[in-house]
Amino acid sequence: MGDNQEEKKCCCCQDKTKHRSEKEYKDLINRLSRIEGQVRGVKGMVENDAYCPDILMQVSAITAALNSFNKVLLANHIRTCVVDDLHAGKDEVVDELVTTLQKLMK
């Protein structure tokens, strides 16, 4: 089975888990590891009494990185889980997606 088939094979199941392709998994973990490093950097800045605007700029970068992570994750979710559920006749996935988007846009 090719990579594209593997990515589409299993998605969001009844138990609300998702099988991710190796590429998707590595990409998400790498993004989170970079964000984790940025947060540790900000913690170090606070511990070292860094200038507030410098800390704020780093926090802004973390926020942007988290937003980027969310965009990637959401796009993957729509392309796989939502599409698969709609093809399977599970229209309630649209309501779940709308609720998720509303929470993200608070």
PDB file of N, CA and C in Angstrom:
ATOM      1  N   MET A   1       0.841  -1.178   0.000  1.00  0.00           N
ATOM      2  CA  MET A   1       0.000   0.000   0.000  1.00  0.00           C
ATOM      3  C   MET A   1       0.888   1.243   0.000  1.00  0.00           C
ATOM      4  N   GLY A   2       0.655   2.198  -0.908  1.00  0.00           N
ATOM      5  CA  GLY A   2       1.467   3.406  -1.007  1.00  0.00           C
ATOM      6  C   GLY A   2       1.194   4.367   0.130  1.00  0.00           C
ATOM      7  N   ASP A   3       2.023   5.397   0.229  1.00  0.00           N
ATOM      8  CA  ASP A   3       1.882   6.362   1.316  1.00  0.00           C
ATOM      9  C   ASP A   3       0.530   7.069   1.287  1.00  0.00           C
ATOM     10  N   ASN A   4       0.054   7.447   0.077  1.00  0.00           N
ATOM     11  CA  ASN A   4      -1.237   8.118   0.002  1.00  0.00           C
ATOM     12  C   ASN A   4      -2.346   7.215   0.501  1.00  0.00           C
ATOM     13  N   GLN A   5      -2.303   5.938   0.144  1.00  0.00           N
ATOM     14  CA  GLN A   5      -3.295   4.990   0.621  1.00  0.00           C
ATOM     15  C   GLN A   5      -3.218   4.874   2.140  1.00  0.00           C
ATOM     16  N   GLU A   6      -1.998   4.814   2.667  1.00  0.00           N
ATOM     17  CA  GLU A   6      -1.810   4.668   4.114  1.00  0.00           C
ATOM     18  C   GLU A   6      -2.408   5.858   4.853  1.00  0.00           C
ATOM     19  N   GLU A   7      -2.209   7.074   4.310  1.00  0.00           N
ATOM     20  CA  GLU A   7      -2.719   8.269   4.968  1.00  0.00           C
ATOM     21  C   GLU A   7      -4.246   8.264   5.007  1.00  0.00           C
ATOM     22  N   LYS A   8      -4.889   7.712   4.002  1.00  0.00           N
ATOM     23  CA  LYS A   8      -6.339   7.744   3.914  1.00  0.00           C
ATOM     24  C   LYS A   8      -6.988   6.529   4.570  1.00  0.00           C
ATOM     25  N   LYS A   9      -6.230   5.453   4.787  1.00  0.00           N
ATOM     26  CA  LYS A   9      -6.780   4.174   5.231  1.00  0.00           C
ATOM     27  C   LYS A   9      -7.584   4.291   6.521  1.00  0.00           C
ATOM     28  N   CYS A  10      -6.970   4.773   7.561  1.00  0.00           N
ATOM     29  CA  CYS A  10      -7.633   4.848   8.858  1.00  0.00           C
ATOM     30  C   CYS A  10      -7.568   6.288   9.339  1.00  0.00           C
ATOM     31  N   CYS A  11      -8.667   6.743   9.800  1.00  0.00           N
ATOM     32  CA  CYS A  11      -8.663   8.137  10.231  1.00  0.00           C
ATOM     33  C   CYS A  11      -9.283   8.241  11.608  1.00  0.00           C
ATOM     34  N   CYS A  12     -10.203   9.121  11.769  1.00  0.00           N
ATOM     35  CA  CYS A  12     -10.857   9.278  13.070  1.00  0.00           C
ATOM     36  C   CYS A  12     -11.870   8.159  13.219  1.00  0.00           C
ATOM     37  N   CYS A  13     -11.672   7.395  14.225  1.00  0.00           N
ATOM     38  CA  CYS A  13     -12.523   6.226  14.440  1.00  0.00           C
ATOM     39  C   CYS A  13     -13.525   6.528  15.540  1.00  0.00           C
ATOM     40  N   GLN A  14     -14.338   5.546  15.836  1.00  0.00           N
ATOM     41  CA  GLN A  14     -15.347   5.681  16.883  1.00  0.00           C
ATOM     42  C   GLN A  14     -14.731   6.132  18.210  1.00  0.00           C
ATOM     43  N   ASP A  15     -13.536   5.637  18.507  1.00  0.00           N
ATOM     44  CA  ASP A  15     -12.915   5.958  19.797  1.00  0.00           C
ATOM     45  C   ASP A  15     -12.140   7.274  19.775  1.00  0.00           C
ATOM     46  N   LYS A  16     -12.327   8.053  18.727  1.00  0.00           N
ATOM     47  CA  LYS A  16     -11.721   9.381  18.597  1.00  0.00           C
ATOM     48  C   LYS A  16     -10.190   9.352  18.638  1.00  0.00           C
ATOM     49  N   THR A  17      -9.612   8.396  17.946  1.00  0.00           N
ATOM     50  CA  THR A  17      -8.170   8.377  17.749  1.00  0.00           C
ATOM     51  C   THR A  17      -7.922   8.462  16.260  1.00  0.00           C
ATOM     52  N   LYS A  18      -6.665   8.730  15.890  1.00  0.00           N
ATOM     53  CA  LYS A  18      -6.338   8.845  14.481  1.00  0.00           C
ATOM     54  C   LYS A  18      -4.988   8.213  14.214  1.00  0.00           C
ATOM     55  N   HIS A  19      -4.948   7.391  13.205  1.00  0.00           N
ATOM     56  CA  HIS A  19      -3.672   6.852  12.726  1.00  0.00           C
ATOM     57  C   HIS A  19      -3.099   7.874  11.758  1.00  0.00           C
ATOM     58  N   ARG A  20      -1.879   8.312  12.030  1.00  0.00           N
ATOM     59  CA  ARG A  20      -1.223   9.285  11.159  1.00  0.00           C
ATOM     60  C   ARG A  20      -0.121   8.597  10.375  1.00  0.00           C
ATOM     61  N   SER A  21       0.107   9.091   9.175  1.00  0.00           N
ATOM     62  CA  SER A  21       1.232   8.585   8.400  1.00  0.00           C
ATOM     63  C   SER A  21       2.522   8.964   9.129  1.00  0.00           C
ATOM     64  N   GLU A  22       3.588   8.274   8.831  1.00  0.00           N
ATOM     65  CA  GLU A  22       4.883   8.570   9.455  1.00  0.00           C
ATOM     66  C   GLU A  22       5.299  10.009   9.181  1.00  0.00           C
ATOM     67  N   LYS A  23       5.075  10.478   7.955  1.00  0.00           N
ATOM     68  CA  LYS A  23       5.440  11.853   7.585  1.00  0.00           C
ATOM     69  C   LYS A  23       4.636  12.871   8.394  1.00  0.00           C
ATOM     70  N   GLU A  24       3.321  12.676   8.484  1.00  0.00           N
ATOM     71  CA  GLU A  24       2.490  13.605   9.242  1.00  0.00           C
ATOM     72  C   GLU A  24       2.897  13.608  10.713  1.00  0.00           C
ATOM     73  N   TYR A  25       3.108  12.420  11.270  1.00  0.00           N
ATOM     74  CA  TYR A  25       3.520  12.298  12.663  1.00  0.00           C
ATOM     75  C   TYR A  25       4.831  13.041  12.913  1.00  0.00           C
ATOM     76  N   LYS A  26       5.825  12.807  12.084  1.00  0.00           N
ATOM     77  CA  LYS A  26       7.132  13.454  12.268  1.00  0.00           C
ATOM     78  C   LYS A  26       7.026  14.964  12.134  1.00  0.00           C
ATOM     79  N   ASP A  27       6.245  15.430  11.176  1.00  0.00           N
ATOM     80  CA  ASP A  27       6.073  16.874  10.989  1.00  0.00           C
ATOM     81  C   ASP A  27       5.455  17.520  12.223  1.00  0.00           C
ATOM     82  N   LEU A  28       4.398  16.912  12.746  1.00  0.00           N
ATOM     83  CA  LEU A  28       3.734  17.473  13.927  1.00  0.00           C
ATOM     84  C   LEU A  28       4.656  17.453  15.145  1.00  0.00           C
ATOM     85  N   ILE A  29       5.340  16.344  15.353  1.00  0.00           N
ATOM     86  CA  ILE A  29       6.254  16.235  16.498  1.00  0.00           C
ATOM     87  C   ILE A  29       7.395  17.242  16.373  1.00  0.00           C
ATOM     88  N   ASN A  30       7.943  17.410  15.170  1.00  0.00           N
ATOM     89  CA  ASN A  30       9.021  18.387  14.970  1.00  0.00           C
ATOM     90  C   ASN A  30       8.544  19.800  15.280  1.00  0.00           C
ATOM     91  N   ARG A  31       7.347  20.137  14.829  1.00  0.00           N
ATOM     92  CA  ARG A  31       6.797  21.468  15.107  1.00  0.00           C
ATOM     93  C   ARG A  31       6.637  21.669  16.616  1.00  0.00           C
ATOM     94  N   LEU A  32       6.095  20.663  17.289  1.00  0.00           N
ATOM     95  CA  LEU A  32       5.899  20.768  18.739  1.00  0.00           C
ATOM     96  C   LEU A  32       7.225  20.842  19.481  1.00  0.00           C
ATOM     97  N   SER A  33       8.217  20.127  19.014  1.00  0.00           N
ATOM     98  CA  SER A  33       9.538  20.183  19.659  1.00  0.00           C
ATOM     99  C   SER A  33      10.152  21.574  19.531  1.00  0.00           C
ATOM    100  N   ARG A  34       9.984  22.193  18.360  1.00  0.00           N
ATOM    101  CA  ARG A  34      10.497  23.557  18.185  1.00  0.00           C
ATOM    102  C   ARG A  34       9.766  24.529  19.112  1.00  0.00           C
ATOM    103  N   ILE A  35       8.454  24.374  19.209  1.00  0.00           N
ATOM    104  CA  ILE A  35       7.666  25.240  20.095  1.00  0.00           C
ATOM    105  C   ILE A  35       8.089  25.027  21.547  1.00  0.00           C
ATOM    106  N   GLU A  36       8.287  23.780  21.924  1.00  0.00           N
ATOM    107  CA  GLU A  36       8.738  23.469  23.277  1.00  0.00           C
ATOM    108  C   GLU A  36      10.075  24.158  23.568  1.00  0.00           C
ATOM    109  N   GLY A  37      10.968  24.141  22.602  1.00  0.00           N
ATOM    110  CA  GLY A  37      12.251  24.823  22.765  1.00  0.00           C
ATOM    111  C   GLY A  37      12.078  26.328  22.921  1.00  0.00           C
ATOM    112  N   GLN A  38      11.154  26.892  22.153  1.00  0.00           N
ATOM    113  CA  GLN A  38      10.888  28.327  22.262  1.00  0.00           C
ATOM    114  C   GLN A  38      10.351  28.665  23.656  1.00  0.00           C
ATOM    115  N   VAL A  39       9.468  27.829  24.189  1.00  0.00           N
ATOM    116  CA  VAL A  39       8.905  28.079  25.520  1.00  0.00           C
ATOM    117  C   VAL A  39      10.002  27.993  26.575  1.00  0.00           C
ATOM    118  N   ARG A  40      10.879  27.000  26.453  1.00  0.00           N
ATOM    119  CA  ARG A  40      12.002  26.904  27.395  1.00  0.00           C
ATOM    120  C   ARG A  40      12.893  28.147  27.290  1.00  0.00           C
ATOM    121  N   GLY A  41      13.053  28.656  26.082  1.00  0.00           N
ATOM    122  CA  GLY A  41      13.841  29.876  25.894  1.00  0.00           C
ATOM    123  C   GLY A  41      13.219  31.063  26.605  1.00  0.00           C
ATOM    124  N   VAL A  42      11.913  31.196  26.526  1.00  0.00           N
ATOM    125  CA  VAL A  42      11.219  32.290  27.211  1.00  0.00           C
ATOM    126  C   VAL A  42      11.341  32.125  28.721  1.00  0.00           C
ATOM    127  N   LYS A  43      11.219  30.897  29.191  1.00  0.00           N
ATOM    128  CA  LYS A  43      11.394  30.652  30.624  1.00  0.00           C
ATOM    129  C   LYS A  43      12.781  31.114  31.070  1.00  0.00           C
ATOM    130  N   GLY A  44      13.786  30.792  30.272  1.00  0.00           N
ATOM    131  CA  GLY A  44      15.145  31.234  30.586  1.00  0.00           C
ATOM    132  C   GLY A  44      15.269  32.748  30.574  1.00  0.00           C
ATOM    133  N   MET A  45      14.567  33.396  29.644  1.00  0.00           N
ATOM    134  CA  MET A  45      14.593  34.857  29.595  1.00  0.00           C
ATOM    135  C   MET A  45      14.012  35.444  30.878  1.00  0.00           C
ATOM    136  N   VAL A  46      12.906  34.878  31.351  1.00  0.00           N
ATOM    137  CA  VAL A  46      12.291  35.368  32.585  1.00  0.00           C
ATOM    138  C   VAL A  46      13.227  35.128  33.762  1.00  0.00           C
ATOM    139  N   GLU A  47      13.802  33.930  33.810  1.00  0.00           N
ATOM    140  CA  GLU A  47      14.730  33.605  34.899  1.00  0.00           C
ATOM    141  C   GLU A  47      15.949  34.522  34.903  1.00  0.00           C
ATOM    142  N   ASN A  48      16.346  35.013  33.732  1.00  0.00           N
ATOM    143  CA  ASN A  48      17.517  35.889  33.613  1.00  0.00           C
ATOM    144  C   ASN A  48      17.156  37.364  33.567  1.00  0.00           C
ATOM    145  N   ASP A  49      15.918  37.674  33.954  1.00  0.00           N
ATOM    146  CA  ASP A  49      15.454  39.063  34.025  1.00  0.00           C
ATOM    147  C   ASP A  49      15.589  39.818  32.703  1.00  0.00           C
ATOM    148  N   ALA A  50      15.224  39.150  31.597  1.00  0.00           N
ATOM    149  CA  ALA A  50      15.280  39.801  30.284  1.00  0.00           C
ATOM    150  C   ALA A  50      14.275  40.954  30.229  1.00  0.00           C
ATOM    151  N   TYR A  51      14.527  41.856  29.317  1.00  0.00           N
ATOM    152  CA  TYR A  51      13.687  43.033  29.100  1.00  0.00           C
ATOM    153  C   TYR A  51      12.311  42.579  28.605  1.00  0.00           C
ATOM    154  N   CYS A  52      11.249  43.131  29.196  1.00  0.00           N
ATOM    155  CA  CYS A  52       9.875  42.692  28.905  1.00  0.00           C
ATOM    156  C   CYS A  52       9.530  42.676  27.412  1.00  0.00           C
ATOM    157  N   PRO A  53       9.820  43.744  26.657  1.00  0.00           N
ATOM    158  CA  PRO A  53       9.478  43.707  25.234  1.00  0.00           C
ATOM    159  C   PRO A  53      10.180  42.560  24.484  1.00  0.00           C
ATOM    160  N   ASP A  54      11.393  42.204  24.902  1.00  0.00           N
ATOM    161  CA  ASP A  54      12.090  41.083  24.268  1.00  0.00           C
ATOM    162  C   ASP A  54      11.346  39.773  24.532  1.00  0.00           C
ATOM    163  N   ILE A  55      10.871  39.613  25.751  1.00  0.00           N
ATOM    164  CA  ILE A  55      10.102  38.414  26.102  1.00  0.00           C
ATOM    165  C   ILE A  55       8.792  38.397  25.320  1.00  0.00           C
ATOM    166  N   LEU A  56       8.128  39.531  25.265  1.00  0.00           N
ATOM    167  CA  LEU A  56       6.861  39.611  24.545  1.00  0.00           C
ATOM    168  C   LEU A  56       7.016  39.240  23.066  1.00  0.00           C
ATOM    169  N   MET A  57       8.116  39.649  22.451  1.00  0.00           N
ATOM    170  CA  MET A  57       8.357  39.304  21.046  1.00  0.00           C
ATOM    171  C   MET A  57       8.540  37.797  20.882  1.00  0.00           C
ATOM    172  N   GLN A  58       9.214  37.170  21.824  1.00  0.00           N
ATOM    173  CA  GLN A  58       9.390  35.719  21.770  1.00  0.00           C
ATOM    174  C   GLN A  58       8.068  34.988  21.993  1.00  0.00           C
ATOM    175  N   VAL A  59       7.250  35.503  22.896  1.00  0.00           N
ATOM    176  CA  VAL A  59       5.938  34.903  23.135  1.00  0.00           C
ATOM    177  C   VAL A  59       5.069  35.047  21.887  1.00  0.00           C
ATOM    178  N   SER A  60       5.176  36.173  21.217  1.00  0.00           N
ATOM    179  CA  SER A  60       4.446  36.371  19.968  1.00  0.00           C
ATOM    180  C   SER A  60       4.872  35.340  18.921  1.00  0.00           C
ATOM    181  N   ALA A  61       6.157  35.041  18.865  1.00  0.00           N
ATOM    182  CA  ALA A  61       6.654  34.024  17.931  1.00  0.00           C
ATOM    183  C   ALA A  61       6.094  32.641  18.289  1.00  0.00           C
ATOM    184  N   ILE A  62       5.984  32.359  19.584  1.00  0.00           N
ATOM    185  CA  ILE A  62       5.409  31.083  20.023  1.00  0.00           C
ATOM    186  C   ILE A  62       3.939  30.998  19.619  1.00  0.00           C
ATOM    187  N   THR A  63       3.216  32.084  19.813  1.00  0.00           N
ATOM    188  CA  THR A  63       1.805  32.121  19.428  1.00  0.00           C
ATOM    189  C   THR A  63       1.654  31.862  17.930  1.00  0.00           C
ATOM    190  N   ALA A  64       2.492  32.487  17.124  1.00  0.00           N
ATOM    191  CA  ALA A  64       2.443  32.269  15.675  1.00  0.00           C
ATOM    192  C   ALA A  64       2.760  30.815  15.330  1.00  0.00           C
ATOM    193  N   ALA A  65       3.724  30.222  16.023  1.00  0.00           N
ATOM    194  CA  ALA A  65       4.085  28.829  15.769  1.00  0.00           C
ATOM    195  C   ALA A  65       2.937  27.894  16.148  1.00  0.00           C
ATOM    196  N   LEU A  66       2.257  28.177  17.256  1.00  0.00           N
ATOM    197  CA  LEU A  66       1.102  27.370  17.651  1.00  0.00           C
ATOM    198  C   LEU A  66      -0.050  27.519  16.650  1.00  0.00           C
ATOM    199  N   ASN A  67      -0.263  28.738  16.168  1.00  0.00           N
ATOM    200  CA  ASN A  67      -1.298  28.953  15.159  1.00  0.00           C
ATOM    201  C   ASN A  67      -0.977  28.179  13.884  1.00  0.00           C
ATOM    202  N   SER A  68       0.282  28.167  13.496  1.00  0.00           N
ATOM    203  CA  SER A  68       0.710  27.418  12.318  1.00  0.00           C
ATOM    204  C   SER A  68       0.486  25.917  12.528  1.00  0.00           C
ATOM    205  N   PHE A  69       0.823  25.417  13.714  1.00  0.00           N
ATOM    206  CA  PHE A  69       0.587  24.013  14.050  1.00  0.00           C
ATOM    207  C   PHE A  69      -0.905  23.687  13.910  1.00  0.00           C
ATOM    208  N   ASN A  70      -1.757  24.557  14.467  1.00  0.00           N
ATOM    209  CA  ASN A  70      -3.203  24.346  14.377  1.00  0.00           C
ATOM    210  C   ASN A  70      -3.682  24.302  12.933  1.00  0.00           C
ATOM    211  N   LYS A  71      -3.159  25.192  12.092  1.00  0.00           N
ATOM    212  CA  LYS A  71      -3.564  25.220  10.683  1.00  0.00           C
ATOM    213  C   LYS A  71      -3.209  23.914   9.986  1.00  0.00           C
ATOM    214  N   VAL A  72      -2.007  23.408  10.236  1.00  0.00           N
ATOM    215  CA  VAL A  72      -1.579  22.147   9.626  1.00  0.00           C
ATOM    216  C   VAL A  72      -2.447  21.002  10.119  1.00  0.00           C
ATOM    217  N   LEU A  73      -2.660  20.932  11.423  1.00  0.00           N
ATOM    218  CA  LEU A  73      -3.457  19.856  12.003  1.00  0.00           C
ATOM    219  C   LEU A  73      -4.900  19.910  11.500  1.00  0.00           C
ATOM    220  N   LEU A  74      -5.462  21.102  11.446  1.00  0.00           N
ATOM    221  CA  LEU A  74      -6.840  21.267  10.975  1.00  0.00           C
ATOM    222  C   LEU A  74      -6.963  20.864   9.507  1.00  0.00           C
ATOM    223  N   ALA A  75      -6.025  21.281   8.687  1.00  0.00           N
ATOM    224  CA  ALA A  75      -6.060  20.915   7.265  1.00  0.00           C
ATOM    225  C   ALA A  75      -5.972  19.404   7.096  1.00  0.00           C
ATOM    226  N   ASN A  76      -5.082  18.758   7.849  1.00  0.00           N
ATOM    227  CA  ASN A  76      -4.974  17.300   7.785  1.00  0.00           C
ATOM    228  C   ASN A  76      -6.282  16.645   8.230  1.00  0.00           C
ATOM    229  N   HIS A  77      -6.879  17.176   9.271  1.00  0.00           N
ATOM    230  CA  HIS A  77      -8.135  16.634   9.791  1.00  0.00           C
ATOM    231  C   HIS A  77      -9.237  16.724   8.737  1.00  0.00           C
ATOM    232  N   ILE A  78      -9.356  17.872   8.095  1.00  0.00           N
ATOM    233  CA  ILE A  78     -10.406  18.052   7.088  1.00  0.00           C
ATOM    234  C   ILE A  78     -10.156  17.130   5.896  1.00  0.00           C
ATOM    235  N   ARG A  79      -8.910  17.065   5.433  1.00  0.00           N
ATOM    236  CA  ARG A  79      -8.581  16.248   4.253  1.00  0.00           C
ATOM    237  C   ARG A  79      -8.781  14.748   4.481  1.00  0.00           C
ATOM    238  N   THR A  80      -8.675  14.322   5.718  1.00  0.00           N
ATOM    239  CA  THR A  80      -8.769  12.881   5.977  1.00  0.00           C
ATOM    240  C   THR A  80     -10.039  12.557   6.755  1.00  0.00           C
ATOM    241  N   CYS A  81     -10.076  12.877   8.009  1.00  0.00           N
ATOM    242  CA  CYS A  81     -11.179  12.480   8.896  1.00  0.00           C
ATOM    243  C   CYS A  81     -12.538  13.001   8.412  1.00  0.00           C
ATOM    244  N   VAL A  82     -12.613  14.287   8.143  1.00  0.00           N
ATOM    245  CA  VAL A  82     -13.897  14.876   7.768  1.00  0.00           C
ATOM    246  C   VAL A  82     -14.367  14.297   6.430  1.00  0.00           C
ATOM    247  N   VAL A  83     -13.481  14.245   5.461  1.00  0.00           N
ATOM    248  CA  VAL A  83     -13.848  13.706   4.148  1.00  0.00           C
ATOM    249  C   VAL A  83     -14.269  12.245   4.267  1.00  0.00           C
ATOM    250  N   ASP A  84     -13.488  11.445   4.990  1.00  0.00           N
ATOM    251  CA  ASP A  84     -13.823  10.027   5.154  1.00  0.00           C
ATOM    252  C   ASP A  84     -15.174   9.850   5.849  1.00  0.00           C
ATOM    253  N   ASP A  85     -15.410  10.628   6.901  1.00  0.00           N
ATOM    254  CA  ASP A  85     -16.686  10.516   7.615  1.00  0.00           C
ATOM    255  C   ASP A  85     -17.857  10.932   6.729  1.00  0.00           C
ATOM    256  N   LEU A  86     -17.687  11.987   5.941  1.00  0.00           N
ATOM    257  CA  LEU A  86     -18.758  12.409   5.038  1.00  0.00           C
ATOM    258  C   LEU A  86     -19.044  11.334   3.993  1.00  0.00           C
ATOM    259  N   HIS A  87     -17.990  10.742   3.447  1.00  0.00           N
ATOM    260  CA  HIS A  87     -18.190   9.649   2.483  1.00  0.00           C
ATOM    261  C   HIS A  87     -18.889   8.464   3.116  1.00  0.00           C
ATOM    262  N   ALA A  88     -18.689   8.268   4.408  1.00  0.00           N
ATOM    263  CA  ALA A  88     -19.330   7.158   5.128  1.00  0.00           C
ATOM    264  C   ALA A  88     -20.739   7.526   5.606  1.00  0.00           C
ATOM    265  N   GLY A  89     -21.198   8.739   5.262  1.00  0.00           N
ATOM    266  CA  GLY A  89     -22.539   9.159   5.640  1.00  0.00           C
ATOM    267  C   GLY A  89     -22.654   9.712   7.048  1.00  0.00           C
ATOM    268  N   LYS A  90     -21.535  10.010   7.670  1.00  0.00           N
ATOM    269  CA  LYS A  90     -21.550  10.535   9.042  1.00  0.00           C
ATOM    270  C   LYS A  90     -21.550  12.068   9.006  1.00  0.00           C
ATOM    271  N   ASP A  91     -22.715  12.628   8.727  1.00  0.00           N
ATOM    272  CA  ASP A  91     -22.837  14.077   8.567  1.00  0.00           C
ATOM    273  C   ASP A  91     -22.594  14.850   9.860  1.00  0.00           C
ATOM    274  N   GLU A  92     -22.675  14.177  11.005  1.00  0.00           N
ATOM    275  CA  GLU A  92     -22.455  14.860  12.286  1.00  0.00           C
ATOM    276  C   GLU A  92     -21.031  15.411  12.394  1.00  0.00           C
ATOM    277  N   VAL A  93     -20.133  14.929  11.537  1.00  0.00           N
ATOM    278  CA  VAL A  93     -18.759  15.425  11.554  1.00  0.00           C
ATOM    279  C   VAL A  93     -18.714  16.914  11.202  1.00  0.00           C
ATOM    280  N   VAL A  94     -19.685  17.386  10.452  1.00  0.00           N
ATOM    281  CA  VAL A  94     -19.740  18.811  10.093  1.00  0.00           C
ATOM    282  C   VAL A  94     -20.025  19.639  11.340  1.00  0.00           C
ATOM    283  N   ASP A  95     -20.962  19.189  12.159  1.00  0.00           N
ATOM    284  CA  ASP A  95     -21.268  19.908  13.403  1.00  0.00           C
ATOM    285  C   ASP A  95     -20.047  19.922  14.325  1.00  0.00           C
ATOM    286  N   GLU A  96     -19.343  18.784  14.397  1.00  0.00           N
ATOM    287  CA  GLU A  96     -18.141  18.709  15.222  1.00  0.00           C
ATOM    288  C   GLU A  96     -17.073  19.679  14.707  1.00  0.00           C
ATOM    289  N   LEU A  97     -16.921  19.760  13.389  1.00  0.00           N
ATOM    290  CA  LEU A  97     -15.952  20.675  12.796  1.00  0.00           C
ATOM    291  C   LEU A  97     -16.326  22.131  13.090  1.00  0.00           C
ATOM    292  N   VAL A  98     -17.586  22.459  12.958  1.00  0.00           N
ATOM    293  CA  VAL A  98     -18.051  23.826  13.241  1.00  0.00           C
ATOM    294  C   VAL A  98     -17.783  24.181  14.702  1.00  0.00           C
ATOM    295  N   THR A  99     -18.091  23.272  15.617  1.00  0.00           N
ATOM    296  CA  THR A  99     -17.843  23.502  17.048  1.00  0.00           C
ATOM    297  C   THR A  99     -16.349  23.714  17.300  1.00  0.00           C
ATOM    298  N   THR A 100     -15.529  22.896  16.675  1.00  0.00           N
ATOM    299  CA  THR A 100     -14.075  23.024  16.831  1.00  0.00           C
ATOM    300  C   THR A 100     -13.602  24.379  16.320  1.00  0.00           C
ATOM    301  N   LEU A 101     -14.072  24.777  15.144  1.00  0.00           N
ATOM    302  CA  LEU A 101     -13.673  26.074  14.580  1.00  0.00           C
ATOM    303  C   LEU A 101     -14.120  27.230  15.467  1.00  0.00           C
ATOM    304  N   GLN A 102     -15.321  27.130  16.023  1.00  0.00           N
ATOM    305  CA  GLN A 102     -15.810  28.187  16.915  1.00  0.00           C
ATOM    306  C   GLN A 102     -14.910  28.312  18.145  1.00  0.00           C
ATOM    307  N   LYS A 103     -14.484  27.176  18.694  1.00  0.00           N
ATOM    308  CA  LYS A 103     -13.595  27.208  19.847  1.00  0.00           C
ATOM    309  C   LYS A 103     -12.232  27.788  19.485  1.00  0.00           C
ATOM    310  N   LEU A 104     -11.737  27.462  18.310  1.00  0.00           N
ATOM    311  CA  LEU A 104     -10.436  27.982  17.861  1.00  0.00           C
ATOM    312  C   LEU A 104     -10.472  29.491  17.633  1.00  0.00           C
ATOM    313  N   MET A 105     -11.627  30.012  17.287  1.00  0.00           N
ATOM    314  CA  MET A 105     -11.738  31.436  16.924  1.00  0.00           C
ATOM    315  C   MET A 105     -12.142  32.329  18.079  1.00  0.00           C
ATOM    316  N   LYS A 106     -12.120  31.806  19.297  1.00  0.00           N
ATOM    317  CA  LYS A 106     -12.456  32.631  20.477  1.00  0.00           C
ATOM    318  C   LYS A 106     -11.455  33.725  20.668  1.00  0.00           C
TER     319      LYS A 106
END
